[in-house]
Amino acid sequence: DNCVDDCMLTNPNLLQLLEMLMKLCADFSNFLQGIMRCSMDISV
């Protein structure tokens, strides 16, 4: 219980923000990799 609580998993607002931020990091990584593909013209 202490681990789940202190890991910020029992606060819906915090949990939703953490998910949003991590998804944003993933989307940004994919975006940069897409730019690299474009610059090399090897999208496949």
All heavy atoms as atom14 arrays in JSON, in Angstrom:
{
  "sequence": "DNCVDDCMLTNPNLLQLLEMLMKLCADFSNFLQGIMRCSMDISV",
  "atom14_mask": [
    [1, 1, 1, 1, 1, 1, 1, 1, 0, 0, 0, 0, 0, 0],
    [1, 1, 1, 1, 1, 1, 1, 1, 0, 0, 0, 0, 0, 0],
    [1, 1, 1, 1, 1, 1, 0, 0, 0, 0, 0, 0, 0, 0],
    [1, 1, 1, 1, 1, 1, 1, 0, 0, 0, 0, 0, 0, 0],
    [1, 1, 1, 1, 1, 1, 1, 1, 0, 0, 0, 0, 0, 0],
    [1, 1, 1, 1, 1, 1, 1, 1, 0, 0, 0, 0, 0, 0],
    [1, 1, 1, 1, 1, 1, 0, 0, 0, 0, 0, 0, 0, 0],
    [1, 1, 1, 1, 1, 1, 1, 1, 0, 0, 0, 0, 0, 0],
    [1, 1, 1, 1, 1, 1, 1, 1, 0, 0, 0, 0, 0, 0],
    [1, 1, 1, 1, 1, 1, 1, 0, 0, 0, 0, 0, 0, 0],
    [1, 1, 1, 1, 1, 1, 1, 1, 0, 0, 0, 0, 0, 0],
    [1, 1, 1, 1, 1, 1, 1, 0, 0, 0, 0, 0, 0, 0],
    [1, 1, 1, 1, 1, 1, 1, 1, 0, 0, 0, 0, 0, 0],
    [1, 1, 1, 1, 1, 1, 1, 1, 0, 0, 0, 0, 0, 0],
    [1, 1, 1, 1, 1, 1, 1, 1, 0, 0, 0, 0, 0, 0],
    [1, 1, 1, 1, 1, 1, 1, 1, 1, 0, 0, 0, 0, 0],
    [1, 1, 1, 1, 1, 1, 1, 1, 0, 0, 0, 0, 0, 0],
    [1, 1, 1, 1, 1, 1, 1, 1, 0, 0, 0, 0, 0, 0],
    [1, 1, 1, 1, 1, 1, 1, 1, 1, 0, 0, 0, 0, 0],
    [1, 1, 1, 1, 1, 1, 1, 1, 0, 0, 0, 0, 0, 0],
    [1, 1, 1, 1, 1, 1, 1, 1, 0, 0, 0, 0, 0, 0],
    [1, 1, 1, 1, 1, 1, 1, 1, 0, 0, 0, 0, 0, 0],
    [1, 1, 1, 1, 1, 1, 1, 1, 1, 0, 0, 0, 0, 0],
    [1, 1, 1, 1, 1, 1, 1, 1, 0, 0, 0, 0, 0, 0],
    [1, 1, 1, 1, 1, 1, 0, 0, 0, 0, 0, 0, 0, 0],
    [1, 1, 1, 1, 1, 0, 0, 0, 0, 0, 0, 0, 0, 0],
    [1, 1, 1, 1, 1, 1, 1, 1, 0, 0, 0, 0, 0, 0],
    [1, 1, 1, 1, 1, 1, 1, 1, 1, 1, 1, 0, 0, 0],
    [1, 1, 1, 1, 1, 1, 0, 0, 0, 0, 0, 0, 0, 0],
    [1, 1, 1, 1, 1, 1, 1, 1, 0, 0, 0, 0, 0, 0],
    [1, 1, 1, 1, 1, 1, 1, 1, 1, 1, 1, 0, 0, 0],
    [1, 1, 1, 1, 1, 1, 1, 1, 0, 0, 0, 0, 0, 0],
    [1, 1, 1, 1, 1, 1, 1, 1, 1, 0, 0, 0, 0, 0],
    [1, 1, 1, 1, 0, 0, 0, 0, 0, 0, 0, 0, 0, 0],
    [1, 1, 1, 1, 1, 1, 1, 1, 0, 0, 0, 0, 0, 0],
    [1, 1, 1, 1, 1, 1, 1, 1, 0, 0, 0, 0, 0, 0],
    [1, 1, 1, 1, 1, 1, 1, 1, 1, 1, 1, 0, 0, 0],
    [1, 1, 1, 1, 1, 1, 0, 0, 0, 0, 0, 0, 0, 0],
    [1, 1, 1, 1, 1, 1, 0, 0, 0, 0, 0, 0, 0, 0],
    [1, 1, 1, 1, 1, 1, 1, 1, 0, 0, 0, 0, 0, 0],
    [1, 1, 1, 1, 1, 1, 1, 1, 0, 0, 0, 0, 0, 0],
    [1, 1, 1, 1, 1, 1, 1, 1, 0, 0, 0, 0, 0, 0],
    [1, 1, 1, 1, 1, 1, 0, 0, 0, 0, 0, 0, 0, 0],
    [1, 1, 1, 1, 1, 1, 1, 0, 0, 0, 0, 0, 0, 0]
  ],
  "atom14_positions": [
    [[0.83, -1.21, 0.0], [0.0, 0.0, 0.0], [0.86, 1.26, 0.0], [0.57, 2.23, -0.72], [-0.93, 0.01, 1.22], [-2.03, -1.04, 1.12], [-2.27, -1.56, 0.01], [-2.64, -1.36, 2.16], [0.0, 0.0, 0.0], [0.0, 0.0, 0.0], [0.0, 0.0, 0.0], [0.0, 0.0, 0.0], [0.0, 0.0, 0.0], [0.0, 0.0, 0.0]],
    [[1.92, 1.25, 0.8], [2.81, 2.41, 0.86], [3.53, 2.63, -0.46], [3.69, 3.78, -0.91], [3.83, 2.24, 1.99], [3.21, 2.34, 3.37], [2.2, 3.02, 3.55], [3.8, 1.67, 4.35], [0.0, 0.0, 0.0], [0.0, 0.0, 0.0], [0.0, 0.0, 0.0], [0.0, 0.0, 0.0], [0.0, 0.0, 0.0], [0.0, 0.0, 0.0]],
    [[3.95, 1.53, -1.09], [4.64, 1.66, -2.38], [3.7, 2.22, -3.45], [4.07, 3.14, -4.19], [5.18, 0.3, -2.83], [6.67, -0.24, -1.95], [0.0, 0.0, 0.0], [0.0, 0.0, 0.0], [0.0, 0.0, 0.0], [0.0, 0.0, 0.0], [0.0, 0.0, 0.0], [0.0, 0.0, 0.0], [0.0, 0.0, 0.0], [0.0, 0.0, 0.0]],
    [[2.5, 1.66, -3.54], [1.55, 2.1, -4.56], [1.19, 3.57, -4.33], [1.1, 4.35, -5.29], [0.29, 1.22, -4.54], [-0.81, 1.81, -5.44], [0.63, -0.19, -5.0], [0.0, 0.0, 0.0], [0.0, 0.0, 0.0], [0.0, 0.0, 0.0], [0.0, 0.0, 0.0], [0.0, 0.0, 0.0], [0.0, 0.0, 0.0], [0.0, 0.0, 0.0]],
    [[1.02, 3.97, -3.08], [0.65, 5.35, -2.77], [1.79, 6.31, -3.07], [1.61, 7.33, -3.75], [0.24, 5.45, -1.3], [-0.37, 6.8, -0.96], [-1.05, 7.38, -1.82], [-0.16, 7.29, 0.17], [0.0, 0.0, 0.0], [0.0, 0.0, 0.0], [0.0, 0.0, 0.0], [0.0, 0.0, 0.0], [0.0, 0.0, 0.0], [0.0, 0.0, 0.0]],
    [[3.01, 5.99, -2.6], [4.14, 6.9, -2.8], [4.63, 6.91, -4.25], [5.35, 7.84, -4.65], [5.3, 6.53, -1.86], [5.02, 6.93, -0.42], [4.15, 7.8, -0.22], [5.67, 6.39, 0.5], [0.0, 0.0, 0.0], [0.0, 0.0, 0.0], [0.0, 0.0, 0.0], [0.0, 0.0, 0.0], [0.0, 0.0, 0.0], [0.0, 0.0, 0.0]],
    [[4.29, 5.88, -5.02], [4.62, 5.88, -6.45], [3.62, 6.69, -7.26], [3.62, 6.63, -8.49], [4.7, 4.45, -6.98], [6.19, 3.57, -6.48], [0.0, 0.0, 0.0], [0.0, 0.0, 0.0], [0.0, 0.0, 0.0], [0.0, 0.0, 0.0], [0.0, 0.0, 0.0], [0.0, 0.0, 0.0], [0.0, 0.0, 0.0], [0.0, 0.0, 0.0]],
    [[2.75, 7.4, -6.57], [1.81, 8.35, -7.19], [0.77, 7.65, -8.06], [0.32, 8.18, -9.07], [2.58, 9.4, -8.02], [3.6, 10.17, -7.22], [4.57, 11.35, -8.21], [5.61, 10.24, -9.15], [0.0, 0.0, 0.0], [0.0, 0.0, 0.0], [0.0, 0.0, 0.0], [0.0, 0.0, 0.0], [0.0, 0.0, 0.0], [0.0, 0.0, 0.0]],
    [[0.38, 6.44, -7.65], [-0.58, 5.68, -8.44], [-2.01, 5.76, -7.91], [-2.93, 5.32, -8.58], [-0.15, 4.2, -8.51], [1.14, 3.94, -9.28], [1.63, 2.52, -9.05], [0.95, 4.2, -10.75], [0.0, 0.0, 0.0], [0.0, 0.0, 0.0], [0.0, 0.0, 0.0], [0.0, 0.0, 0.0], [0.0, 0.0, 0.0], [0.0, 0.0, 0.0]],
    [[-2.18, 6.29, -6.73], [-3.53, 6.36, -6.15], [-4.17, 7.74, -6.34], [-5.32, 7.93, -5.96], [-3.48, 6.05, -4.64], [-2.55, 6.94, -3.99], [-3.04, 4.61, -4.4], [0.0, 0.0, 0.0], [0.0, 0.0, 0.0], [0.0, 0.0, 0.0], [0.0, 0.0, 0.0], [0.0, 0.0, 0.0], [0.0, 0.0, 0.0], [0.0, 0.0, 0.0]],
    [[-3.44, 8.67, -6.91], [-3.98, 9.99, -7.21], [-4.33, 10.05, -8.68], [-3.44, 10.07, -9.53], [-2.95, 11.07, -6.85], [-3.51, 12.48, -6.96], [-4.13, 12.83, -7.97], [-3.28, 13.29, -5.95], [0.0, 0.0, 0.0], [0.0, 0.0, 0.0], [0.0, 0.0, 0.0], [0.0, 0.0, 0.0], [0.0, 0.0, 0.0], [0.0, 0.0, 0.0]],
    [[-5.64, 10.07, -9.04], [-6.02, 10.03, -10.46], [-5.42, 11.16, -11.28], [-5.01, 10.94, -12.43], [-7.55, 10.13, -10.41], [-7.93, 9.67, -9.05], [-6.81, 10.08, -8.15], [0.0, 0.0, 0.0], [0.0, 0.0, 0.0], [0.0, 0.0, 0.0], [0.0, 0.0, 0.0], [0.0, 0.0, 0.0], [0.0, 0.0, 0.0], [0.0, 0.0, 0.0]],
    [[-5.34, 12.37, -10.72], [-4.78, 13.49, -11.46], [-3.29, 13.29, -11.75], [-2.82, 13.53, -12.87], [-4.98, 14.79, -10.68], [-6.45, 15.17, -10.55], [-7.22, 14.99, -11.48], [-6.83, 15.67, -9.38], [0.0, 0.0, 0.0], [0.0, 0.0, 0.0], [0.0, 0.0, 0.0], [0.0, 0.0, 0.0], [0.0, 0.0, 0.0], [0.0, 0.0, 0.0]],
    [[-2.56, 12.83, -10.73], [-1.13, 12.58, -10.92], [-0.9, 11.45, -11.92], [-0.03, 11.54, -12.8], [-0.49, 12.23, -9.58], [0.24, 13.33, -8.82], [0.8, 12.8, -7.52], [1.36, 13.92, -9.67], [0.0, 0.0, 0.0], [0.0, 0.0, 0.0], [0.0, 0.0, 0.0], [0.0, 0.0, 0.0], [0.0, 0.0, 0.0], [0.0, 0.0, 0.0]],
    [[-1.67, 10.38, -11.78], [-1.51, 9.23, -12.65], [-1.79, 9.6, -14.1], [-1.06, 9.2, -15.02], [-2.44, 8.11, -12.19], [-2.32, 6.77, -12.94], [-0.9, 6.24, -12.87], [-3.29, 5.76, -12.35], [0.0, 0.0, 0.0], [0.0, 0.0, 0.0], [0.0, 0.0, 0.0], [0.0, 0.0, 0.0], [0.0, 0.0, 0.0], [0.0, 0.0, 0.0]],
    [[-2.85, 10.38, -14.32], [-3.2, 10.79, -15.67], [-2.1, 11.69, -16.26], [-1.75, 11.58, -17.44], [-4.54, 11.51, -15.66], [-5.09, 11.86, -17.04], [-4.7, 13.26, -17.48], [-4.31, 14.08, -16.66], [-4.83, 13.51, -18.76], [0.0, 0.0, 0.0], [0.0, 0.0, 0.0], [0.0, 0.0, 0.0], [0.0, 0.0, 0.0], [0.0, 0.0, 0.0]],
    [[-1.54, 12.57, -15.43], [-0.46, 13.45, -15.9], [0.79, 12.65, -16.25], [1.45, 12.92, -17.26], [-0.12, 14.47, -14.82], [-0.73, 15.87, -14.98], [-0.35, 16.74, -13.8], [-0.29, 16.51, -16.28], [0.0, 0.0, 0.0], [0.0, 0.0, 0.0], [0.0, 0.0, 0.0], [0.0, 0.0, 0.0], [0.0, 0.0, 0.0], [0.0, 0.0, 0.0]],
    [[1.12, 11.67, -15.4], [2.29, 10.83, -15.68], [2.12, 10.09, -17.0], [3.05, 9.99, -17.81], [2.5, 9.84, -14.53], [3.14, 10.38, -13.26], [3.1, 9.35, -12.15], [4.58, 10.8, -13.53], [0.0, 0.0, 0.0], [0.0, 0.0, 0.0], [0.0, 0.0, 0.0], [0.0, 0.0, 0.0], [0.0, 0.0, 0.0], [0.0, 0.0, 0.0]],
    [[0.91, 9.54, -17.21], [0.66, 8.83, -18.47], [0.78, 9.78, -19.66], [1.36, 9.43, -20.7], [-0.74, 8.2, -18.45], [-1.02, 7.35, -19.69], [-2.46, 6.93, -19.8], [-3.32, 7.8, -19.94], [-2.72, 5.72, -19.76], [0.0, 0.0, 0.0], [0.0, 0.0, 0.0], [0.0, 0.0, 0.0], [0.0, 0.0, 0.0], [0.0, 0.0, 0.0]],
    [[0.23, 10.99, -19.51], [0.29, 11.97, -20.6], [1.73, 12.36, -20.92], [2.13, 12.44, -22.08], [-0.54, 13.2, -20.22], [-0.62, 14.27, -21.33], [0.78, 15.41, -21.36], [0.48, 16.35, -19.85], [0.0, 0.0, 0.0], [0.0, 0.0, 0.0], [0.0, 0.0, 0.0], [0.0, 0.0, 0.0], [0.0, 0.0, 0.0], [0.0, 0.0, 0.0]],
    [[2.53, 12.6, -19.87], [3.91, 13.01, -20.09], [4.73, 11.89, -20.74], [5.54, 12.16, -21.64], [4.54, 13.42, -18.75], [4.12, 14.78, -18.19], [4.56, 14.94, -16.75], [4.68, 15.91, -19.04], [0.0, 0.0, 0.0], [0.0, 0.0, 0.0], [0.0, 0.0, 0.0], [0.0, 0.0, 0.0], [0.0, 0.0, 0.0], [0.0, 0.0, 0.0]],
    [[4.52, 10.66, -20.3], [5.28, 9.56, -20.89], [4.85, 9.3, -22.33], [5.68, 9.0, -23.19], [5.13, 8.29, -20.03], [5.91, 8.37, -18.74], [6.11, 6.81, -17.87], [4.5, 6.7, -17.07], [0.0, 0.0, 0.0], [0.0, 0.0, 0.0], [0.0, 0.0, 0.0], [0.0, 0.0, 0.0], [0.0, 0.0, 0.0], [0.0, 0.0, 0.0]],
    [[3.56, 9.45, -22.61], [3.1, 9.31, -23.99], [3.66, 10.43, -24.86], [4.03, 10.22, -26.03], [1.57, 9.32, -24.05], [1.0, 9.02, -25.43], [-0.51, 8.97, -25.41], [-1.06, 8.54, -26.76], [-0.62, 9.39, -27.88], [0.0, 0.0, 0.0], [0.0, 0.0, 0.0], [0.0, 0.0, 0.0], [0.0, 0.0, 0.0], [0.0, 0.0, 0.0]],
    [[3.76, 11.63, -24.29], [4.34, 12.76, -25.02], [5.81, 12.48, -25.35], [6.27, 12.79, -26.46], [4.21, 14.03, -24.19], [4.52, 15.36, -24.89], [3.48, 15.65, -25.97], [4.56, 16.5, -23.88], [0.0, 0.0, 0.0], [0.0, 0.0, 0.0], [0.0, 0.0, 0.0], [0.0, 0.0, 0.0], [0.0, 0.0, 0.0], [0.0, 0.0, 0.0]],
    [[6.53, 11.91, -24.39], [7.93, 11.54, -24.64], [8.04, 10.51, -25.76], [8.92, 10.61, -26.63], [8.57, 11.0, -23.36], [8.76, 12.2, -22.03], [0.0, 0.0, 0.0], [0.0, 0.0, 0.0], [0.0, 0.0, 0.0], [0.0, 0.0, 0.0], [0.0, 0.0, 0.0], [0.0, 0.0, 0.0], [0.0, 0.0, 0.0], [0.0, 0.0, 0.0]],
    [[7.13, 9.53, -25.74], [7.15, 8.51, -26.79], [6.82, 9.12, -28.15], [7.48, 8.8, -29.15], [6.15, 7.4, -26.44], [0.0, 0.0, 0.0], [0.0, 0.0, 0.0], [0.0, 0.0, 0.0], [0.0, 0.0, 0.0], [0.0, 0.0, 0.0], [0.0, 0.0, 0.0], [0.0, 0.0, 0.0], [0.0, 0.0, 0.0], [0.0, 0.0, 0.0]],
    [[5.82, 9.98, -28.2], [5.44, 10.62, -29.47], [6.59, 11.49, -30.01], [6.83, 11.52, -31.21], [4.19, 11.48, -29.28], [2.94, 10.66, -29.03], [2.98, 9.44, -29.33], [1.95, 11.22, -28.54], [0.0, 0.0, 0.0], [0.0, 0.0, 0.0], [0.0, 0.0, 0.0], [0.0, 0.0, 0.0], [0.0, 0.0, 0.0], [0.0, 0.0, 0.0]],
    [[7.27, 12.19, -29.11], [8.37, 13.04, -29.54], [9.53, 12.2, -30.08], [10.16, 12.58, -31.09], [8.85, 13.91, -28.38], [9.92, 14.89, -28.75], [9.65, 15.95, -29.59], [11.22, 14.75, -28.25], [10.64, 16.86, -29.94], [12.21, 15.65, -28.6], [11.91, 16.71, -29.44], [0.0, 0.0, 0.0], [0.0, 0.0, 0.0], [0.0, 0.0, 0.0]],
    [[9.8, 11.08, -29.44], [10.85, 10.19, -29.94], [10.5, 9.68, -31.32], [11.36, 9.64, -32.22], [11.04, 9.01, -28.97], [11.45, 9.46, -27.7], [0.0, 0.0, 0.0], [0.0, 0.0, 0.0], [0.0, 0.0, 0.0], [0.0, 0.0, 0.0], [0.0, 0.0, 0.0], [0.0, 0.0, 0.0], [0.0, 0.0, 0.0], [0.0, 0.0, 0.0]],
    [[9.25, 9.27, -31.51], [8.82, 8.8, -32.83], [8.89, 9.92, -33.87], [9.23, 9.68, -35.03], [7.39, 8.25, -32.74], [7.3, 6.99, -31.91], [8.28, 6.24, -31.8], [6.15, 6.76, -31.29], [0.0, 0.0, 0.0], [0.0, 0.0, 0.0], [0.0, 0.0, 0.0], [0.0, 0.0, 0.0], [0.0, 0.0, 0.0], [0.0, 0.0, 0.0]],
    [[8.58, 11.13, -33.43], [8.64, 12.28, -34.34], [10.07, 12.5, -34.82], [10.31, 12.68, -36.03], [8.12, 13.52, -33.61], [8.46, 14.82, -34.26], [7.85, 15.2, -35.46], [9.39, 15.68, -33.69], [8.18, 16.41, -36.06], [9.72, 16.89, -34.29], [9.1, 17.25, -35.48], [0.0, 0.0, 0.0], [0.0, 0.0, 0.0], [0.0, 0.0, 0.0]],
    [[11.05, 12.47, -33.9], [12.44, 12.68, -34.3], [12.95, 11.55, -35.2], [13.68, 11.79, -36.15], [13.33, 12.79, -33.06], [13.3, 14.12, -32.31], [14.32, 14.11, -31.18], [13.56, 15.29, -33.22], [0.0, 0.0, 0.0], [0.0, 0.0, 0.0], [0.0, 0.0, 0.0], [0.0, 0.0, 0.0], [0.0, 0.0, 0.0], [0.0, 0.0, 0.0]],
    [[12.52, 10.32, -34.89], [12.92, 9.21, -35.75], [12.3, 9.35, -37.13], [12.92, 9.0, -38.14], [12.51, 7.88, -35.12], [13.28, 7.56, -33.85], [12.94, 6.2, -33.28], [12.98, 5.2, -34.0], [12.58, 6.16, -32.02], [0.0, 0.0, 0.0], [0.0, 0.0, 0.0], [0.0, 0.0, 0.0], [0.0, 0.0, 0.0], [0.0, 0.0, 0.0]],
    [[11.08, 9.88, -37.19], [10.44, 10.11, -38.48], [11.18, 11.16, -39.29], [11.31, 11.03, -40.51], [0.0, 0.0, 0.0], [0.0, 0.0, 0.0], [0.0, 0.0, 0.0], [0.0, 0.0, 0.0], [0.0, 0.0, 0.0], [0.0, 0.0, 0.0], [0.0, 0.0, 0.0], [0.0, 0.0, 0.0], [0.0, 0.0, 0.0], [0.0, 0.0, 0.0]],
    [[11.7, 12.21, -38.62], [12.48, 13.22, -39.31], [13.75, 12.61, -39.88], [14.18, 12.93, -40.99], [12.83, 14.37, -38.33], [11.56, 15.16, -37.99], [13.89, 15.29, -38.91], [10.93, 15.86, -39.18], [0.0, 0.0, 0.0], [0.0, 0.0, 0.0], [0.0, 0.0, 0.0], [0.0, 0.0, 0.0], [0.0, 0.0, 0.0], [0.0, 0.0, 0.0]],
    [[14.33, 11.69, -39.1], [15.54, 11.04, -39.59], [15.24, 10.2, -40.82], [15.99, 10.21, -41.8], [16.16, 10.16, -38.5], [17.53, 9.62, -38.88], [18.3, 8.65, -37.58], [17.55, 7.08, -37.89], [0.0, 0.0, 0.0], [0.0, 0.0, 0.0], [0.0, 0.0, 0.0], [0.0, 0.0, 0.0], [0.0, 0.0, 0.0], [0.0, 0.0, 0.0]],
    [[14.13, 9.5, -40.8], [13.75, 8.71, -41.97], [13.55, 9.61, -43.19], [13.97, 9.29, -44.3], [12.47, 7.95, -41.69], [12.61, 6.8, -40.7], [11.33, 5.98, -40.7], [11.41, 4.91, -39.72], [10.91, 4.97, -38.5], [10.32, 6.09, -38.11], [11.01, 3.96, -37.67], [0.0, 0.0, 0.0], [0.0, 0.0, 0.0], [0.0, 0.0, 0.0]],
    [[12.89, 10.74, -42.93], [12.62, 11.66, -44.03], [13.91, 12.21, -44.61], [14.07, 12.29, -45.83], [11.74, 12.81, -43.54], [11.38, 14.05, -44.78], [0.0, 0.0, 0.0], [0.0, 0.0, 0.0], [0.0, 0.0, 0.0], [0.0, 0.0, 0.0], [0.0, 0.0, 0.0], [0.0, 0.0, 0.0], [0.0, 0.0, 0.0], [0.0, 0.0, 0.0]],
    [[14.83, 12.58, -43.74], [16.08, 13.17, -44.21], [16.92, 12.16, -44.98], [17.73, 12.53, -45.83], [16.87, 13.74, -43.04], [17.26, 12.72, -42.15], [0.0, 0.0, 0.0], [0.0, 0.0, 0.0], [0.0, 0.0, 0.0], [0.0, 0.0, 0.0], [0.0, 0.0, 0.0], [0.0, 0.0, 0.0], [0.0, 0.0, 0.0], [0.0, 0.0, 0.0]],
    [[16.73, 10.87, -44.67], [17.47, 9.84, -45.39], [16.66, 9.29, -46.56], [17.17, 8.53, -47.37], [17.83, 8.69, -44.44], [18.79, 9.07, -43.33], [19.27, 7.66, -42.32], [20.33, 6.77, -43.43], [0.0, 0.0, 0.0], [0.0, 0.0, 0.0], [0.0, 0.0, 0.0], [0.0, 0.0, 0.0], [0.0, 0.0, 0.0], [0.0, 0.0, 0.0]],
    [[15.36, 9.7, -46.61], [14.47, 9.25, -47.68], [14.38, 7.73, -47.73], [14.43, 7.11, -48.79], [14.93, 9.77, -49.04], [13.81, 9.7, -50.06], [12.62, 9.64, -49.65], [14.11, 9.68, -51.26], [0.0, 0.0, 0.0], [0.0, 0.0, 0.0], [0.0, 0.0, 0.0], [0.0, 0.0, 0.0], [0.0, 0.0, 0.0], [0.0, 0.0, 0.0]],
    [[14.29, 7.11, -46.52], [14.19, 5.65, -46.43], [13.1, 5.3, -45.44], [13.32, 4.65, -44.43], [15.53, 5.02, -45.99], [16.12, 5.8, -44.81], [16.54, 4.99, -47.12], [17.35, 5.13, -44.22], [0.0, 0.0, 0.0], [0.0, 0.0, 0.0], [0.0, 0.0, 0.0], [0.0, 0.0, 0.0], [0.0, 0.0, 0.0], [0.0, 0.0, 0.0]],
    [[11.91, 5.71, -45.76], [10.81, 5.58, -44.81], [10.46, 4.14, -44.49], [9.81, 3.86, -43.49], [9.57, 6.28, -45.36], [9.23, 5.74, -46.62], [0.0, 0.0, 0.0], [0.0, 0.0, 0.0], [0.0, 0.0, 0.0], [0.0, 0.0, 0.0], [0.0, 0.0, 0.0], [0.0, 0.0, 0.0], [0.0, 0.0, 0.0], [0.0, 0.0, 0.0]],
    [[10.9, 3.22, -45.31], [10.53, 1.82, -45.07], [11.61, 1.08, -44.31], [11.47, -0.1, -44.03], [10.25, 1.09, -46.4], [9.06, 1.71, -47.1], [11.47, 1.13, -47.32], [0.0, 0.0, 0.0], [0.0, 0.0, 0.0], [0.0, 0.0, 0.0], [0.0, 0.0, 0.0], [0.0, 0.0, 0.0], [0.0, 0.0, 0.0], [0.0, 0.0, 0.0]]
  ]
}
